[in-house]
Amino acid sequence: MATYTASELLATTALGTSAGATIFTASNKTIIKQILVANVTATDRTFNLHIVPNGGTAGAGNKVFGDVTVQANTTTVIDLATVIDASDFIAGDASAASALNVHISGVEVS
């Protein structure tokens, strides 16, 4: 029988500007439930997020959020229920280094 554990999958981390940089890798089958993206600057910024299968690379074919604008000094909340397998990963980048902080929560299945 599977065990479901609510988890902070990624503690608050600043996004960099390197396209397709890995920010979270699943150790088990995982249900991504919420992604928070906070703009800590006085300027609107954008971000990209990819859900990438094990062995893959971030690209247009696995981009799930592209050029999403987060207004200055606000937070964008993304509620979802997306399942990823063990070793799949989330990659992301921002339009300016250290301008956007990301936090991911969900449920690990073991």
N, C-alpha and C. Protein backbone atom coordinates (compact mmCIF):
# COMPACT_ATOMS: atom_id res chain seq x y z
N MET A 1 0.84 -1.17 0.00
CA MET A 1 0.00 0.00 0.00
C MET A 1 0.89 1.24 0.00
N ALA A 2 0.54 2.20 -0.80
CA ALA A 2 1.32 3.43 -0.92
C ALA A 2 1.15 4.31 0.31
N THR A 3 2.22 5.04 0.63
CA THR A 3 2.20 6.02 1.70
C THR A 3 2.30 7.40 1.08
N TYR A 4 1.44 8.31 1.51
CA TYR A 4 1.40 9.68 0.99
C TYR A 4 1.86 10.63 2.08
N THR A 5 2.91 11.41 1.80
CA THR A 5 3.47 12.32 2.78
C THR A 5 3.50 13.74 2.24
N ALA A 6 2.75 14.63 2.90
CA ALA A 6 2.78 16.04 2.52
C ALA A 6 4.19 16.57 2.79
N SER A 7 4.74 17.32 1.83
CA SER A 7 6.13 17.74 1.96
C SER A 7 6.39 19.13 1.39
N GLU A 8 7.35 19.80 2.00
CA GLU A 8 7.94 20.98 1.38
C GLU A 8 8.99 20.41 0.43
N LEU A 9 8.71 20.46 -0.84
CA LEU A 9 9.59 19.83 -1.82
C LEU A 9 10.80 20.69 -2.12
N LEU A 10 10.60 22.00 -2.13
CA LEU A 10 11.70 22.93 -2.37
C LEU A 10 11.52 24.10 -1.43
N ALA A 11 12.46 24.25 -0.48
CA ALA A 11 12.43 25.42 0.39
C ALA A 11 12.66 26.66 -0.47
N THR A 12 12.25 27.79 0.01
CA THR A 12 12.36 29.03 -0.76
C THR A 12 13.77 29.22 -1.29
N THR A 13 13.86 29.35 -2.63
CA THR A 13 15.14 29.43 -3.34
C THR A 13 15.03 30.49 -4.42
N ALA A 14 16.09 31.27 -4.59
CA ALA A 14 16.11 32.27 -5.65
C ALA A 14 16.35 31.60 -7.00
N LEU A 15 15.57 32.00 -8.00
CA LEU A 15 15.79 31.52 -9.36
C LEU A 15 16.95 32.29 -9.98
N GLY A 16 17.76 31.59 -10.74
CA GLY A 16 18.83 32.23 -11.49
C GLY A 16 18.39 32.52 -12.91
N THR A 17 19.32 32.97 -13.72
CA THR A 17 18.99 33.31 -15.11
C THR A 17 19.43 32.24 -16.10
N SER A 18 20.09 31.19 -15.62
CA SER A 18 20.52 30.11 -16.52
C SER A 18 19.31 29.32 -16.98
N ALA A 19 19.05 29.32 -18.29
CA ALA A 19 17.90 28.64 -18.85
C ALA A 19 17.95 27.15 -18.52
N GLY A 20 16.84 26.64 -17.99
CA GLY A 20 16.72 25.21 -17.75
C GLY A 20 17.49 24.67 -16.56
N ALA A 21 17.87 25.52 -15.61
CA ALA A 21 18.60 25.05 -14.43
C ALA A 21 17.67 24.23 -13.53
N THR A 22 18.15 23.07 -13.08
CA THR A 22 17.36 22.20 -12.20
C THR A 22 17.19 22.84 -10.84
N ILE A 23 15.92 22.89 -10.36
CA ILE A 23 15.66 23.43 -9.03
C ILE A 23 15.10 22.38 -8.08
N PHE A 24 14.55 21.28 -8.62
CA PHE A 24 14.02 20.20 -7.78
C PHE A 24 14.06 18.90 -8.56
N THR A 25 14.53 17.83 -7.90
CA THR A 25 14.50 16.49 -8.48
C THR A 25 13.72 15.58 -7.54
N ALA A 26 12.76 14.87 -8.08
CA ALA A 26 11.91 13.99 -7.27
C ALA A 26 12.67 12.73 -6.87
N SER A 27 12.62 12.39 -5.58
CA SER A 27 13.25 11.15 -5.12
C SER A 27 12.27 9.98 -5.17
N ASN A 28 10.99 10.29 -5.20
CA ASN A 28 9.91 9.31 -5.32
C ASN A 28 8.87 9.86 -6.28
N LYS A 29 7.88 9.06 -6.61
CA LYS A 29 6.73 9.61 -7.33
C LYS A 29 6.20 10.76 -6.47
N THR A 30 5.89 11.88 -7.10
CA THR A 30 5.55 13.09 -6.36
C THR A 30 4.37 13.80 -7.02
N ILE A 31 3.49 14.32 -6.20
CA ILE A 31 2.38 15.13 -6.68
C ILE A 31 2.72 16.58 -6.33
N ILE A 32 2.94 17.40 -7.35
CA ILE A 32 3.21 18.82 -7.13
C ILE A 32 1.86 19.49 -6.91
N LYS A 33 1.69 20.12 -5.75
CA LYS A 33 0.40 20.74 -5.41
C LYS A 33 0.41 22.26 -5.51
N GLN A 34 1.54 22.89 -5.18
CA GLN A 34 1.56 24.34 -5.21
C GLN A 34 2.96 24.87 -5.46
N ILE A 35 3.03 25.90 -6.28
CA ILE A 35 4.28 26.60 -6.54
C ILE A 35 4.03 28.08 -6.25
N LEU A 36 4.88 28.65 -5.40
CA LEU A 36 4.83 30.07 -5.09
C LEU A 36 6.02 30.73 -5.75
N VAL A 37 5.79 31.84 -6.43
CA VAL A 37 6.88 32.61 -7.03
C VAL A 37 6.74 34.05 -6.56
N ALA A 38 7.71 34.50 -5.75
CA ALA A 38 7.66 35.84 -5.16
C ALA A 38 8.68 36.75 -5.83
N ASN A 39 8.21 37.89 -6.27
CA ASN A 39 9.09 38.91 -6.83
C ASN A 39 9.52 39.83 -5.68
N VAL A 40 10.81 39.83 -5.37
CA VAL A 40 11.32 40.61 -4.24
C VAL A 40 11.94 41.93 -4.69
N THR A 41 11.59 42.35 -5.90
CA THR A 41 12.14 43.61 -6.43
C THR A 41 11.02 44.60 -6.75
N ALA A 42 11.41 45.80 -7.09
CA ALA A 42 10.46 46.86 -7.43
C ALA A 42 10.18 46.93 -8.93
N THR A 43 10.59 45.87 -9.66
CA THR A 43 10.40 45.81 -11.12
C THR A 43 9.70 44.51 -11.48
N ASP A 44 8.76 44.55 -12.42
CA ASP A 44 8.12 43.32 -12.89
C ASP A 44 9.19 42.39 -13.46
N ARG A 45 9.06 41.09 -13.19
CA ARG A 45 10.01 40.08 -13.67
C ARG A 45 9.23 38.90 -14.25
N THR A 46 9.91 38.08 -15.07
CA THR A 46 9.27 36.90 -15.66
C THR A 46 10.04 35.64 -15.28
N PHE A 47 9.34 34.50 -15.40
CA PHE A 47 9.99 33.21 -15.14
C PHE A 47 9.47 32.16 -16.11
N ASN A 48 10.26 31.08 -16.22
CA ASN A 48 9.90 29.88 -16.98
C ASN A 48 10.07 28.68 -16.07
N LEU A 49 9.17 27.71 -16.18
CA LEU A 49 9.31 26.44 -15.46
C LEU A 49 9.07 25.29 -16.43
N HIS A 50 9.86 24.23 -16.25
CA HIS A 50 9.76 23.02 -17.06
C HIS A 50 9.58 21.83 -16.13
N ILE A 51 8.78 20.85 -16.53
CA ILE A 51 8.74 19.56 -15.86
C ILE A 51 9.40 18.58 -16.82
N VAL A 52 10.55 18.06 -16.40
CA VAL A 52 11.42 17.31 -17.31
C VAL A 52 11.50 15.85 -16.89
N PRO A 53 11.25 14.92 -17.81
CA PRO A 53 11.38 13.50 -17.47
C PRO A 53 12.84 13.13 -17.23
N ASN A 54 13.03 12.10 -16.42
CA ASN A 54 14.37 11.59 -16.13
C ASN A 54 15.14 11.37 -17.43
N GLY A 55 16.36 11.88 -17.48
CA GLY A 55 17.19 11.72 -18.65
C GLY A 55 16.99 12.79 -19.70
N GLY A 56 15.99 13.66 -19.52
CA GLY A 56 15.70 14.70 -20.49
C GLY A 56 16.40 16.01 -20.16
N THR A 57 16.16 16.99 -21.01
CA THR A 57 16.67 18.33 -20.77
C THR A 57 15.52 19.32 -20.93
N ALA A 58 15.63 20.43 -20.23
CA ALA A 58 14.60 21.46 -20.30
C ALA A 58 14.56 22.05 -21.71
N GLY A 59 13.37 22.19 -22.26
CA GLY A 59 13.21 22.76 -23.59
C GLY A 59 11.76 23.10 -23.86
N ALA A 60 11.47 23.53 -25.06
CA ALA A 60 10.12 23.95 -25.43
C ALA A 60 9.10 22.83 -25.23
N GLY A 61 9.51 21.59 -25.43
CA GLY A 61 8.58 20.46 -25.34
C GLY A 61 8.12 20.12 -23.94
N ASN A 62 8.81 20.62 -22.90
CA ASN A 62 8.40 20.32 -21.53
C ASN A 62 8.20 21.59 -20.69
N LYS A 63 8.13 22.73 -21.37
CA LYS A 63 7.86 23.99 -20.66
C LYS A 63 6.39 24.01 -20.28
N VAL A 64 6.12 24.22 -18.99
CA VAL A 64 4.73 24.27 -18.53
C VAL A 64 4.29 25.68 -18.15
N PHE A 65 5.25 26.55 -17.87
CA PHE A 65 4.96 27.96 -17.62
C PHE A 65 6.05 28.76 -18.33
N GLY A 66 5.65 29.59 -19.30
CA GLY A 66 6.62 30.33 -20.08
C GLY A 66 6.41 31.83 -20.01
N ASP A 67 7.47 32.53 -19.69
CA ASP A 67 7.45 34.00 -19.62
C ASP A 67 6.27 34.53 -18.80
N VAL A 68 6.06 33.92 -17.64
CA VAL A 68 5.00 34.37 -16.73
C VAL A 68 5.49 35.60 -15.99
N THR A 69 4.72 36.67 -16.03
CA THR A 69 5.10 37.90 -15.34
C THR A 69 4.63 37.88 -13.89
N VAL A 70 5.56 38.22 -13.00
CA VAL A 70 5.22 38.44 -11.59
C VAL A 70 5.45 39.93 -11.34
N GLN A 71 4.39 40.62 -11.01
CA GLN A 71 4.50 42.05 -10.81
C GLN A 71 5.41 42.37 -9.62
N ALA A 72 5.95 43.57 -9.64
CA ALA A 72 6.87 44.01 -8.59
C ALA A 72 6.27 43.80 -7.20
N ASN A 73 7.09 43.23 -6.30
CA ASN A 73 6.72 43.06 -4.90
C ASN A 73 5.43 42.30 -4.68
N THR A 74 5.15 41.31 -5.54
CA THR A 74 3.96 40.47 -5.37
C THR A 74 4.37 39.00 -5.47
N THR A 75 3.41 38.13 -5.18
CA THR A 75 3.63 36.69 -5.27
C THR A 75 2.58 36.08 -6.19
N THR A 76 3.02 35.20 -7.08
CA THR A 76 2.11 34.43 -7.92
C THR A 76 1.96 33.05 -7.30
N VAL A 77 0.71 32.62 -7.13
CA VAL A 77 0.41 31.31 -6.55
C VAL A 77 -0.13 30.43 -7.66
N ILE A 78 0.51 29.28 -7.84
CA ILE A 78 0.08 28.32 -8.86
C ILE A 78 -0.39 27.06 -8.13
N ASP A 79 -1.69 26.82 -8.16
CA ASP A 79 -2.25 25.60 -7.57
C ASP A 79 -2.43 24.58 -8.67
N LEU A 80 -1.96 23.37 -8.46
CA LEU A 80 -2.08 22.33 -9.46
C LEU A 80 -2.03 20.96 -8.81
N ALA A 81 -2.17 19.93 -9.58
CA ALA A 81 -2.06 18.55 -9.12
C ALA A 81 -1.40 17.77 -10.24
N THR A 82 -0.09 17.90 -10.33
CA THR A 82 0.69 17.27 -11.40
C THR A 82 1.57 16.18 -10.80
N VAL A 83 1.51 15.00 -11.37
CA VAL A 83 2.30 13.87 -10.88
C VAL A 83 3.58 13.76 -11.70
N ILE A 84 4.70 13.63 -11.00
CA ILE A 84 5.97 13.36 -11.67
C ILE A 84 6.58 12.11 -11.06
N ASP A 85 7.33 11.38 -11.86
CA ASP A 85 7.96 10.14 -11.40
C ASP A 85 9.29 10.41 -10.71
N ALA A 86 9.77 9.41 -9.97
CA ALA A 86 11.08 9.51 -9.34
C ALA A 86 12.12 9.84 -10.41
N SER A 87 13.02 10.75 -10.08
CA SER A 87 14.11 11.23 -10.93
C SER A 87 13.68 12.23 -12.00
N ASP A 88 12.38 12.47 -12.16
CA ASP A 88 11.95 13.60 -13.00
C ASP A 88 12.32 14.86 -12.24
N PHE A 89 12.42 15.98 -12.95
CA PHE A 89 12.83 17.20 -12.25
C PHE A 89 12.12 18.43 -12.78
N ILE A 90 12.19 19.47 -11.97
CA ILE A 90 11.65 20.78 -12.35
C ILE A 90 12.84 21.70 -12.57
N ALA A 91 12.82 22.38 -13.70
CA ALA A 91 13.86 23.35 -14.04
C ALA A 91 13.21 24.71 -14.18
N GLY A 92 13.96 25.75 -13.86
CA GLY A 92 13.39 27.08 -13.97
C GLY A 92 14.44 28.16 -14.08
N ASP A 93 14.00 29.30 -14.58
CA ASP A 93 14.87 30.46 -14.69
C ASP A 93 14.03 31.72 -14.61
N ALA A 94 14.71 32.83 -14.32
CA ALA A 94 14.04 34.12 -14.18
C ALA A 94 14.71 35.14 -15.10
N SER A 95 14.01 36.24 -15.32
CA SER A 95 14.54 37.29 -16.18
C SER A 95 15.65 38.10 -15.51
N ALA A 96 15.79 37.98 -14.19
CA ALA A 96 16.86 38.66 -13.47
C ALA A 96 17.27 37.81 -12.28
N ALA A 97 18.56 37.66 -12.08
CA ALA A 97 19.08 36.84 -10.98
C ALA A 97 18.63 37.36 -9.63
N SER A 98 18.23 36.44 -8.76
CA SER A 98 17.85 36.73 -7.37
C SER A 98 16.65 37.67 -7.24
N ALA A 99 15.88 37.84 -8.32
CA ALA A 99 14.70 38.70 -8.26
C ALA A 99 13.45 37.92 -7.87
N LEU A 100 13.42 36.63 -8.21
CA LEU A 100 12.26 35.79 -7.94
C LEU A 100 12.64 34.63 -7.05
N ASN A 101 11.88 34.45 -5.98
CA ASN A 101 12.06 33.29 -5.10
C ASN A 101 10.94 32.29 -5.39
N VAL A 102 11.30 31.01 -5.41
CA VAL A 102 10.32 29.97 -5.69
C VAL A 102 10.26 29.01 -4.51
N HIS A 103 9.05 28.51 -4.21
CA HIS A 103 8.81 27.53 -3.17
C HIS A 103 7.84 26.51 -3.73
N ILE A 104 8.13 25.21 -3.54
CA ILE A 104 7.28 24.15 -4.09
C ILE A 104 6.86 23.21 -2.97
N SER A 105 5.56 22.90 -2.93
CA SER A 105 5.07 21.93 -1.96
C SER A 105 4.23 20.88 -2.68
N GLY A 106 4.09 19.74 -2.02
CA GLY A 106 3.33 18.68 -2.63
C GLY A 106 3.26 17.45 -1.75
N VAL A 107 3.08 16.30 -2.40
CA VAL A 107 2.91 15.04 -1.70
C VAL A 107 3.86 14.02 -2.31
N GLU A 108 4.66 13.38 -1.45
CA GLU A 108 5.55 12.31 -1.91
C GLU A 108 4.84 10.98 -1.72
N VAL A 109 4.95 10.11 -2.72
CA VAL A 109 4.31 8.80 -2.70
C VAL A 109 5.40 7.75 -2.59
N SER A 110 5.30 6.91 -1.56
CA SER A 110 6.30 5.84 -1.41
C SER A 110 5.64 4.52 -1.08
